């Protein structure tokens, strides 16, 4: 699997991922990193009303769960509440 295939798999996974509080992403962007050849960067909008701690917890849970979809690539996740 190349990085583009892995990024597509991660995107499919993240689009349906829900954390322990059943929060899902309203918007998802997944791209191969331009800086690191073996990293996939994920950005999500969790919607309004999620504090920084909630965003960080969601990102950490998603990162751990998305590792299987990423194969040999490293996943970086950033979650925001917009």
C-alpha atoms as a PDB file:
ATOM      1  CA  UNK A   1       0.000   0.000   0.000  1.00  0.00           C
ATOM      2  CA  UNK A   2       1.401   3.405  -0.949  1.00  0.00           C
ATOM      3  CA  UNK A   3       0.808   6.602   1.051  1.00  0.00           C
ATOM      4  CA  UNK A   4      -2.093   7.724  -1.142  1.00  0.00           C
ATOM      5  CA  UNK A   5      -3.893   4.420  -0.654  1.00  0.00           C
ATOM      6  CA  UNK A   6      -3.209   4.612   3.079  1.00  0.00           C
ATOM      7  CA  UNK A   7      -4.523   8.196   3.233  1.00  0.00           C
ATOM      8  CA  UNK A   8      -7.729   7.103   1.474  1.00  0.00           C
ATOM      9  CA  UNK A   9      -8.153   4.234   3.956  1.00  0.00           C
ATOM     10  CA  UNK A  10      -7.570   6.585   6.891  1.00  0.00           C
ATOM     11  CA  UNK A  11     -10.091   9.061   5.474  1.00  0.00           C
ATOM     12  CA  UNK A  12     -12.758   6.353   5.177  1.00  0.00           C
ATOM     13  CA  UNK A  13     -12.054   5.303   8.760  1.00  0.00           C
ATOM     14  CA  UNK A  14     -12.047   8.821  10.248  1.00  0.00           C
ATOM     15  CA  UNK A  15     -15.304   9.725   8.460  1.00  0.00           C
ATOM     16  CA  UNK A  16     -17.114   7.116  10.578  1.00  0.00           C
ATOM     17  CA  UNK A  17     -15.049   7.248  13.792  1.00  0.00           C
ATOM     18  CA  UNK A  18     -16.851   8.123  17.037  1.00  0.00           C
ATOM     19  CA  UNK A  19     -15.085   8.613  20.358  1.00  0.00           C
ATOM     20  CA  UNK A  20     -16.303   7.348  23.756  1.00  0.00           C
ATOM     21  CA  UNK A  21     -18.747  10.296  23.915  1.00  0.00           C
ATOM     22  CA  UNK A  22     -20.110   9.343  20.462  1.00  0.00           C
ATOM     23  CA  UNK A  23     -18.734  12.521  18.864  1.00  0.00           C
ATOM     24  CA  UNK A  24     -18.080  12.263  15.149  1.00  0.00           C
ATOM     25  CA  UNK A  25     -16.379  14.688  12.795  1.00  0.00           C
ATOM     26  CA  UNK A  26     -18.516  17.143  10.852  1.00  0.00           C
ATOM     27  CA  UNK A  27     -15.721  17.779   8.360  1.00  0.00           C
ATOM     28  CA  UNK A  28     -12.651  15.658   7.605  1.00  0.00           C
ATOM     29  CA  UNK A  29      -9.492  16.398   5.619  1.00  0.00           C
ATOM     30  CA  UNK A  30      -6.801  13.768   5.183  1.00  0.00           C
ATOM     31  CA  UNK A  31      -3.610  14.338   3.219  1.00  0.00           C
ATOM     32  CA  UNK A  32      -0.140  12.840   2.923  1.00  0.00           C
ATOM     33  CA  UNK A  33       2.271  15.147   4.724  1.00  0.00           C
ATOM     34  CA  UNK A  34       4.358  17.433   2.579  1.00  0.00           C
ATOM     35  CA  UNK A  35       7.069  17.450   5.248  1.00  0.00           C
ATOM     36  CA  UNK A  36       7.411  13.786   6.207  1.00  0.00           C
ATOM     37  CA  UNK A  37       7.228  11.079   3.556  1.00  0.00           C
ATOM     38  CA  UNK A  38       5.768   8.522   5.978  1.00  0.00           C
ATOM     39  CA  UNK A  39       3.165  10.699   7.743  1.00  0.00           C
ATOM     40  CA  UNK A  40      -0.529  11.191   7.036  1.00  0.00           C
ATOM     41  CA  UNK A  41      -2.090  14.348   8.436  1.00  0.00           C
ATOM     42  CA  UNK A  42      -5.730  14.420   9.523  1.00  0.00           C
ATOM     43  CA  UNK A  43      -7.749  17.532  10.351  1.00  0.00           C
ATOM     44  CA  UNK A  44     -11.313  17.354  11.640  1.00  0.00           C
ATOM     45  CA  UNK A  45     -13.991  19.803  12.718  1.00  0.00           C
ATOM     46  CA  UNK A  46     -16.043  18.415  15.605  1.00  0.00           C
ATOM     47  CA  UNK A  47     -18.609  21.198  15.376  1.00  0.00           C
ATOM     48  CA  UNK A  48     -19.403  23.901  17.898  1.00  0.00           C
ATOM     49  CA  UNK A  49     -19.273  23.498  21.654  1.00  0.00           C
ATOM     50  CA  UNK A  50     -16.331  21.111  22.078  1.00  0.00           C
ATOM     51  CA  UNK A  51     -13.639  22.455  24.410  1.00  0.00           C
ATOM     52  CA  UNK A  52      -9.892  22.078  23.827  1.00  0.00           C
ATOM     53  CA  UNK A  53      -9.646  19.086  26.155  1.00  0.00           C
ATOM     54  CA  UNK A  54     -12.459  17.352  24.270  1.00  0.00           C
ATOM     55  CA  UNK A  55     -10.767  18.056  20.928  1.00  0.00           C
ATOM     56  CA  UNK A  56      -7.450  16.722  22.221  1.00  0.00           C
ATOM     57  CA  UNK A  57      -9.093  13.590  23.618  1.00  0.00           C
ATOM     58  CA  UNK A  58     -10.943  12.950  20.345  1.00  0.00           C
ATOM     59  CA  UNK A  59      -7.729  13.401  18.347  1.00  0.00           C
ATOM     60  CA  UNK A  60      -5.798  11.014  20.588  1.00  0.00           C
ATOM     61  CA  UNK A  61      -8.508   8.350  20.419  1.00  0.00           C
ATOM     62  CA  UNK A  62      -8.796   8.694  16.660  1.00  0.00           C
ATOM     63  CA  UNK A  63      -5.036   8.548  16.153  1.00  0.00           C
ATOM     64  CA  UNK A  64      -4.804   5.303  18.081  1.00  0.00           C
ATOM     65  CA  UNK A  65      -7.741   3.734  16.290  1.00  0.00           C
ATOM     66  CA  UNK A  66      -6.656   4.895  12.814  1.00  0.00           C
ATOM     67  CA  UNK A  67      -3.224   3.297  13.074  1.00  0.00           C
ATOM     68  CA  UNK A  68      -4.500  -0.004  11.681  1.00  0.00           C
ATOM     69  CA  UNK A  69      -5.941   1.714   8.608  1.00  0.00           C
ATOM     70  CA  UNK A  70      -2.667   3.571   8.006  1.00  0.00           C
ATOM     71  CA  UNK A  71      -0.521   0.467   7.716  1.00  0.00           C
ATOM     72  CA  UNK A  72       3.158   1.395   7.982  1.00  0.00           C
ATOM     73  CA  UNK A  73       2.453   5.140   7.931  1.00  0.00           C
ATOM     74  CA  UNK A  74       2.246   7.452  10.946  1.00  0.00           C
ATOM     75  CA  UNK A  75      -1.028   9.308  11.498  1.00  0.00           C
ATOM     76  CA  UNK A  76      -1.156  12.810  12.968  1.00  0.00           C
ATOM     77  CA  UNK A  77      -4.624  14.043  14.001  1.00  0.00           C
ATOM     78  CA  UNK A  78      -5.739  17.570  14.817  1.00  0.00           C
ATOM     79  CA  UNK A  79      -9.312  18.170  15.958  1.00  0.00           C
ATOM     80  CA  UNK A  80     -10.954  21.579  16.255  1.00  0.00           C
ATOM     81  CA  UNK A  81     -14.350  22.854  17.289  1.00  0.00           C
ATOM     82  CA  UNK A  82     -15.616  25.383  14.764  1.00  0.00           C
END
